[in-house]
Amino acid sequence: MQPSSPEGRFLAAIGRAATARLGADHPLALAAREALEQQSPARAARVHEVLAGLSEAEREELLSAAHREMREDLAAIWGFLPGAAQSGRMH
């Protein structure tokens, strides 16, 4: 199930990107998974620390992949539009 909060969606997306590109045992993939499971500000901060420690090229690739996933998730975007989720149609 996709997290509903923007923070959760980011952590899930960056975790999937890290797993796909760096492997499931990479510190970034592990940190993202822990942050999602424990929903702790300290765990989320750890994700950002690991991201900051990557090379610029790796970081840009991962953030680009996560951003692409988030912007293409139309159901999540629709859910954040005022009134859209309740009515199911445009006004």
C-alpha atoms as a PDB file:
ATOM      1  CA  MET A   1       0.000   0.000   0.000  1.00  0.00           C
ATOM      2  CA  GLN A   2       1.272   3.442  -0.930  1.00  0.00           C
ATOM      3  CA  PRO A   3       1.715   5.862   2.001  1.00  0.00           C
ATOM      4  CA  SER A   4      -0.728   8.759   1.928  1.00  0.00           C
ATOM      5  CA  SER A   5       1.473  11.522   3.346  1.00  0.00           C
ATOM      6  CA  PRO A   6       3.928  13.335   1.080  1.00  0.00           C
ATOM      7  CA  GLU A   7       6.757  12.394   3.442  1.00  0.00           C
ATOM      8  CA  GLY A   8       5.777   8.742   3.361  1.00  0.00           C
ATOM      9  CA  ARG A   9       5.451   8.799  -0.418  1.00  0.00           C
ATOM     10  CA  PHE A  10       8.951  10.303  -0.690  1.00  0.00           C
ATOM     11  CA  LEU A  11      10.462   7.708   1.651  1.00  0.00           C
ATOM     12  CA  ALA A  12       8.782   4.867  -0.234  1.00  0.00           C
ATOM     13  CA  ALA A  13       9.877   6.238  -3.617  1.00  0.00           C
ATOM     14  CA  ILE A  14      13.482   6.877  -2.576  1.00  0.00           C
ATOM     15  CA  GLY A  15      13.580   3.434  -0.975  1.00  0.00           C
ATOM     16  CA  ARG A  16      12.406   1.757  -4.177  1.00  0.00           C
ATOM     17  CA  ALA A  17      14.895   3.767  -6.244  1.00  0.00           C
ATOM     18  CA  ALA A  18      17.734   2.859  -3.877  1.00  0.00           C
ATOM     19  CA  THR A  19      16.780  -0.812  -3.887  1.00  0.00           C
ATOM     20  CA  ALA A  20      16.572  -0.920  -7.688  1.00  0.00           C
ATOM     21  CA  ARG A  21      19.830   0.935  -8.322  1.00  0.00           C
ATOM     22  CA  LEU A  22      21.986   0.168  -5.289  1.00  0.00           C
ATOM     23  CA  GLY A  23      20.552  -3.060  -3.872  1.00  0.00           C
ATOM     24  CA  ALA A  24      18.243  -3.940  -0.998  1.00  0.00           C
ATOM     25  CA  ASP A  25      21.143  -4.110   1.457  1.00  0.00           C
ATOM     26  CA  HIS A  26      22.440  -0.599   0.674  1.00  0.00           C
ATOM     27  CA  PRO A  27      22.311   1.776   3.678  1.00  0.00           C
ATOM     28  CA  LEU A  28      19.898   4.096   1.851  1.00  0.00           C
ATOM     29  CA  ALA A  29      17.416   1.314   1.060  1.00  0.00           C
ATOM     30  CA  LEU A  30      17.633   0.091   4.664  1.00  0.00           C
ATOM     31  CA  ALA A  31      17.242   3.602   6.108  1.00  0.00           C
ATOM     32  CA  ALA A  32      14.192   4.316   3.935  1.00  0.00           C
ATOM     33  CA  ARG A  33      12.564   1.041   4.945  1.00  0.00           C
ATOM     34  CA  GLU A  34      13.211   1.718   8.651  1.00  0.00           C
ATOM     35  CA  ALA A  35      11.873   5.273   8.337  1.00  0.00           C
ATOM     36  CA  LEU A  36       8.655   3.997   6.768  1.00  0.00           C
ATOM     37  CA  GLU A  37       8.187   1.241   9.325  1.00  0.00           C
ATOM     38  CA  GLN A  38       8.978   3.301  12.426  1.00  0.00           C
ATOM     39  CA  GLN A  39       7.722   6.708  11.247  1.00  0.00           C
ATOM     40  CA  SER A  40      10.318   8.524  13.289  1.00  0.00           C
ATOM     41  CA  PRO A  41      11.755  11.962  12.475  1.00  0.00           C
ATOM     42  CA  ALA A  42      15.193  10.639  13.420  1.00  0.00           C
ATOM     43  CA  ARG A  43      14.826   7.758  10.946  1.00  0.00           C
ATOM     44  CA  ALA A  44      13.701  10.138   8.199  1.00  0.00           C
ATOM     45  CA  ALA A  45      16.681  12.387   8.963  1.00  0.00           C
ATOM     46  CA  ARG A  46      18.930   9.349   8.549  1.00  0.00           C
ATOM     47  CA  VAL A  47      17.621   8.907   4.988  1.00  0.00           C
ATOM     48  CA  HIS A  48      18.666  12.478   4.209  1.00  0.00           C
ATOM     49  CA  GLU A  49      22.079  11.915   5.811  1.00  0.00           C
ATOM     50  CA  VAL A  50      22.722   8.829   3.679  1.00  0.00           C
ATOM     51  CA  LEU A  51      21.542  10.688   0.575  1.00  0.00           C
ATOM     52  CA  ALA A  52      23.932  13.542   1.362  1.00  0.00           C
ATOM     53  CA  GLY A  53      26.806  11.067   1.633  1.00  0.00           C
ATOM     54  CA  LEU A  54      26.329   9.740  -1.898  1.00  0.00           C
ATOM     55  CA  SER A  55      28.137  11.122  -4.904  1.00  0.00           C
ATOM     56  CA  GLU A  56      26.298  13.947  -6.637  1.00  0.00           C
ATOM     57  CA  ALA A  57      25.632  11.764  -9.677  1.00  0.00           C
ATOM     58  CA  GLU A  58      24.132   8.931  -7.581  1.00  0.00           C
ATOM     59  CA  ARG A  59      22.067  11.350  -5.507  1.00  0.00           C
ATOM     60  CA  GLU A  60      20.688  13.092  -8.604  1.00  0.00           C
ATOM     61  CA  GLU A  61      19.817   9.775 -10.242  1.00  0.00           C
ATOM     62  CA  LEU A  62      17.968   8.527  -7.162  1.00  0.00           C
ATOM     63  CA  LEU A  63      16.131  11.789  -6.530  1.00  0.00           C
ATOM     64  CA  SER A  64      15.166  11.970 -10.197  1.00  0.00           C
ATOM     65  CA  ALA A  65      13.729   8.456 -10.091  1.00  0.00           C
ATOM     66  CA  ALA A  66      11.831   9.167  -6.862  1.00  0.00           C
ATOM     67  CA  HIS A  67      10.481  12.445  -8.232  1.00  0.00           C
ATOM     68  CA  ARG A  68       9.370  10.752 -11.457  1.00  0.00           C
ATOM     69  CA  GLU A  69       7.501   8.087  -9.486  1.00  0.00           C
ATOM     70  CA  MET A  70       5.803  10.673  -7.289  1.00  0.00           C
ATOM     71  CA  ARG A  71       4.759  12.971 -10.119  1.00  0.00           C
ATOM     72  CA  GLU A  72       3.332  10.072 -12.121  1.00  0.00           C
ATOM     73  CA  ASP A  73       1.180   8.830  -9.216  1.00  0.00           C
ATOM     74  CA  LEU A  74      -2.007  10.541 -10.347  1.00  0.00           C
ATOM     75  CA  ALA A  75      -4.149   8.950  -7.641  1.00  0.00           C
ATOM     76  CA  ALA A  76      -1.986  10.512  -4.922  1.00  0.00           C
ATOM     77  CA  ILE A  77      -1.932  13.887  -6.660  1.00  0.00           C
ATOM     78  CA  TRP A  78      -5.708  13.776  -7.121  1.00  0.00           C
ATOM     79  CA  GLY A  79      -6.111  12.991  -3.425  1.00  0.00           C
ATOM     80  CA  PHE A  80      -4.382  16.271  -2.490  1.00  0.00           C
ATOM     81  CA  LEU A  81      -6.635  18.471  -4.646  1.00  0.00           C
ATOM     82  CA  PRO A  82      -9.226  20.311  -2.537  1.00  0.00           C
ATOM     83  CA  GLY A  83     -12.629  18.735  -3.004  1.00  0.00           C
ATOM     84  CA  ALA A  84     -11.473  16.291  -5.654  1.00  0.00           C
ATOM     85  CA  ALA A  85     -11.257  13.196  -3.464  1.00  0.00           C
ATOM     86  CA  GLN A  86     -14.734  13.695  -2.046  1.00  0.00           C
ATOM     87  CA  SER A  87     -16.649  14.338  -5.240  1.00  0.00           C
ATOM     88  CA  GLY A  88     -14.695  12.168  -7.655  1.00  0.00           C
ATOM     89  CA  ARG A  89     -15.230  14.664 -10.448  1.00  0.00           C
ATOM     90  CA  MET A  90     -14.022  18.062 -11.535  1.00  0.00           C
ATOM     91  CA  HIS A  91     -16.117  21.150 -10.842  1.00  0.00           C
END
